[in-house]
Every structure is written in structure tokens, then in C-alpha cells.
Amino acid sequence: MSPQSTAGPGGAGRRFEEAIELIEMELRHAIAYVNDAVIPQVRRESILAKRAAADTLRDLADRFERGGGNRSQTGTQTGQAGQDNAAGQGSAPREPGR
């Protein structure tokens, strides 16, 4: 770099303006890339993920409607007491921490 390129009135200012123009150009390119490539890909993938989640929730709702499949009872209750608790009757639920 020659001393004349920065010497004189406006030499440093001109270099800053050129640097700013290059930065603005790179930013425009980056914004165009994000708008043209990244955003559409994110939309496609998020739609697929939402559809997969909807399918999973639909399957779960179907299982609940059919009766749930395998139900496990807590504890070793059998007979009438176990049936009462499964039906929501019988002893009151425990409070947390007790």
C-alpha cells in the first residue's frame, strides 16, 4: 500500500466508504440467500414436523377412544378395591410429598 492512497483530504474517508459498500453488498447477498434458500427449507421441514406430530397425536387420540390398551394399576390392589380405584372411587388421592 502506498502512502499516497491514504494521504490527502478524504483518503481515509474514501476507504471507509468502499468498505461500507462492500459490507452492504455482502449483507444483500446474505439476505437474498436466507430468503431464497433457508426460509423455504425451514418451512418445508417445519410442515413435515407438524404433520408428524399431528399423526402421532391422532394415533394417541384413537388409542384413548379404543380404551387405551395396556393399563397398569399402581400398587398391589386386587378385587373390588382395585376396581373402585380404577373407576375413580374409593380412597382419596394422596397429596404430593406424603
C-alpha atoms as a PDB file:
ATOM      1  CA  MET A   1       0.000   0.000   0.000  1.00  0.00           C
ATOM      2  CA  SER A   2       1.475   3.297  -0.981  1.00  0.00           C
ATOM      3  CA  PRO A   3       1.435   6.227   1.385  1.00  0.00           C
ATOM      4  CA  GLN A   4      -0.445   8.240  -1.236  1.00  0.00           C
ATOM      5  CA  SER A   5      -3.557   6.057  -1.065  1.00  0.00           C
ATOM      6  CA  THR A   6      -4.432   7.271   2.445  1.00  0.00           C
ATOM      7  CA  ALA A   7      -2.723  10.621   2.275  1.00  0.00           C
ATOM      8  CA  GLY A   8      -4.567  13.744   1.388  1.00  0.00           C
ATOM      9  CA  PRO A   9      -8.025  15.011   2.129  1.00  0.00           C
ATOM     10  CA  GLY A  10     -10.716  12.341   2.080  1.00  0.00           C
ATOM     11  CA  GLY A  11      -8.341   9.391   1.569  1.00  0.00           C
ATOM     12  CA  ALA A  12      -9.345   7.531   4.726  1.00  0.00           C
ATOM     13  CA  GLY A  13     -12.957   8.524   4.274  1.00  0.00           C
ATOM     14  CA  ARG A  14     -12.964   7.056   0.778  1.00  0.00           C
ATOM     15  CA  ARG A  15     -11.611   3.756   2.088  1.00  0.00           C
ATOM     16  CA  PHE A  16     -14.333   3.645   4.749  1.00  0.00           C
ATOM     17  CA  GLU A  17     -16.996   4.307   2.111  1.00  0.00           C
ATOM     18  CA  GLU A  18     -15.637   1.479  -0.045  1.00  0.00           C
ATOM     19  CA  ALA A  19     -15.597  -0.860   2.945  1.00  0.00           C
ATOM     20  CA  ILE A  20     -19.167   0.110   3.817  1.00  0.00           C
ATOM     21  CA  GLU A  21     -20.267  -0.529   0.224  1.00  0.00           C
ATOM     22  CA  LEU A  22     -18.656  -3.988   0.301  1.00  0.00           C
ATOM     23  CA  ILE A  23     -20.281  -4.802   3.627  1.00  0.00           C
ATOM     24  CA  GLU A  24     -23.692  -3.658   2.339  1.00  0.00           C
ATOM     25  CA  MET A  25     -23.264  -5.768  -0.794  1.00  0.00           C
ATOM     26  CA  GLU A  26     -22.366  -8.849   1.268  1.00  0.00           C
ATOM     27  CA  LEU A  27     -25.354  -8.235   3.523  1.00  0.00           C
ATOM     28  CA  ARG A  28     -27.670  -8.042   0.494  1.00  0.00           C
ATOM     29  CA  HIS A  29     -26.259 -11.354  -0.734  1.00  0.00           C
ATOM     30  CA  ALA A  30     -26.702 -12.943   2.693  1.00  0.00           C
ATOM     31  CA  ILE A  31     -30.293 -11.672   2.963  1.00  0.00           C
ATOM     32  CA  ALA A  32     -31.090 -12.987  -0.519  1.00  0.00           C
ATOM     33  CA  TYR A  33     -29.639 -16.393   0.387  1.00  0.00           C
ATOM     34  CA  VAL A  34     -31.668 -16.580   3.591  1.00  0.00           C
ATOM     35  CA  ASN A  35     -34.856 -15.536   1.776  1.00  0.00           C
ATOM     36  CA  ASP A  36     -34.316 -17.810  -1.236  1.00  0.00           C
ATOM     37  CA  ALA A  37     -32.844 -20.945   0.370  1.00  0.00           C
ATOM     38  CA  VAL A  38     -33.028 -21.030   4.150  1.00  0.00           C
ATOM     39  CA  ILE A  39     -36.592 -19.847   4.799  1.00  0.00           C
ATOM     40  CA  PRO A  40     -38.242 -22.179   2.255  1.00  0.00           C
ATOM     41  CA  GLN A  41     -36.294 -25.159   3.633  1.00  0.00           C
ATOM     42  CA  VAL A  42     -37.255 -24.292   7.217  1.00  0.00           C
ATOM     43  CA  ARG A  43     -40.898 -24.005   6.152  1.00  0.00           C
ATOM     44  CA  ARG A  44     -40.800 -27.395   4.419  1.00  0.00           C
ATOM     45  CA  GLU A  45     -39.195 -29.093   7.403  1.00  0.00           C
ATOM     46  CA  SER A  46     -41.497 -27.449   9.942  1.00  0.00           C
ATOM     47  CA  ILE A  47     -44.553 -28.513   7.931  1.00  0.00           C
ATOM     48  CA  LEU A  48     -43.276 -32.100   7.898  1.00  0.00           C
ATOM     49  CA  ALA A  49     -42.603 -31.971  11.641  1.00  0.00           C
ATOM     50  CA  LYS A  50     -46.079 -30.583  12.343  1.00  0.00           C
ATOM     51  CA  ARG A  51     -47.679 -33.295  10.219  1.00  0.00           C
ATOM     52  CA  ALA A  52     -45.709 -35.984  12.039  1.00  0.00           C
ATOM     53  CA  ALA A  53     -46.768 -34.541  15.403  1.00  0.00           C
ATOM     54  CA  ALA A  54     -50.391 -34.383  14.230  1.00  0.00           C
ATOM     55  CA  ASP A  55     -50.240 -38.033  13.131  1.00  0.00           C
ATOM     56  CA  THR A  56     -48.803 -39.058  16.485  1.00  0.00           C
ATOM     57  CA  LEU A  57     -51.473 -37.119  18.376  1.00  0.00           C
ATOM     58  CA  ARG A  58     -54.185 -38.603  16.131  1.00  0.00           C
ATOM     59  CA  ASP A  59     -52.905 -42.124  16.886  1.00  0.00           C
ATOM     60  CA  LEU A  60     -52.838 -41.348  20.609  1.00  0.00           C
ATOM     61  CA  ALA A  61     -56.401 -40.000  20.498  1.00  0.00           C
ATOM     62  CA  ASP A  62     -57.511 -43.144  18.656  1.00  0.00           C
ATOM     63  CA  ARG A  63     -55.914 -45.315  21.345  1.00  0.00           C
ATOM     64  CA  PHE A  64     -57.702 -43.339  24.077  1.00  0.00           C
ATOM     65  CA  GLU A  65     -61.016 -43.787  22.268  1.00  0.00           C
ATOM     66  CA  ARG A  66     -60.471 -47.550  21.943  1.00  0.00           C
ATOM     67  CA  GLY A  67     -59.847 -47.909  25.658  1.00  0.00           C
ATOM     68  CA  GLY A  68     -56.155 -47.324  25.977  1.00  0.00           C
ATOM     69  CA  GLY A  69     -54.706 -50.814  25.551  1.00  0.00           C
ATOM     70  CA  ASN A  70     -52.416 -51.733  28.494  1.00  0.00           C
ATOM     71  CA  ARG A  71     -53.434 -50.061  31.709  1.00  0.00           C
ATOM     72  CA  SER A  72     -51.291 -50.598  34.755  1.00  0.00           C
ATOM     73  CA  GLN A  73     -52.640 -50.182  38.260  1.00  0.00           C
ATOM     74  CA  THR A  74     -50.430 -48.684  40.891  1.00  0.00           C
ATOM     75  CA  GLY A  75     -49.777 -50.787  43.959  1.00  0.00           C
ATOM     76  CA  THR A  76     -50.937 -54.343  44.562  1.00  0.00           C
ATOM     77  CA  GLN A  77     -54.673 -53.722  44.819  1.00  0.00           C
ATOM     78  CA  THR A  78     -56.915 -56.553  43.650  1.00  0.00           C
ATOM     79  CA  GLY A  79     -60.593 -57.364  43.755  1.00  0.00           C
ATOM     80  CA  GLN A  80     -63.249 -54.731  44.472  1.00  0.00           C
ATOM     81  CA  ALA A  81     -60.820 -52.156  45.886  1.00  0.00           C
ATOM     82  CA  GLY A  82     -58.792 -52.146  42.670  1.00  0.00           C
ATOM     83  CA  GLN A  83     -61.946 -51.769  40.596  1.00  0.00           C
ATOM     84  CA  ASP A  84     -63.162 -48.895  42.768  1.00  0.00           C
ATOM     85  CA  ASN A  85     -59.882 -47.028  42.398  1.00  0.00           C
ATOM     86  CA  ALA A  86     -59.799 -47.604  38.641  1.00  0.00           C
ATOM     87  CA  ALA A  87     -63.311 -46.148  38.402  1.00  0.00           C
ATOM     88  CA  GLY A  88     -62.305 -43.066  40.340  1.00  0.00           C
ATOM     89  CA  GLN A  89     -63.972 -44.161  43.590  1.00  0.00           C
ATOM     90  CA  GLY A  90     -62.597 -45.384  46.850  1.00  0.00           C
ATOM     91  CA  SER A  91     -59.870 -43.660  48.838  1.00  0.00           C
ATOM     92  CA  ALA A  92     -58.903 -40.088  48.130  1.00  0.00           C
ATOM     93  CA  PRO A  93     -55.730 -39.479  46.109  1.00  0.00           C
ATOM     94  CA  ARG A  94     -52.584 -38.774  48.047  1.00  0.00           C
ATOM     95  CA  GLU A  95     -51.236 -35.295  48.283  1.00  0.00           C
ATOM     96  CA  PRO A  96     -47.758 -34.770  46.832  1.00  0.00           C
ATOM     97  CA  GLY A  97     -44.971 -35.199  49.359  1.00  0.00           C
ATOM     98  CA  ARG A  98     -46.939 -37.524  51.675  1.00  0.00           C
END
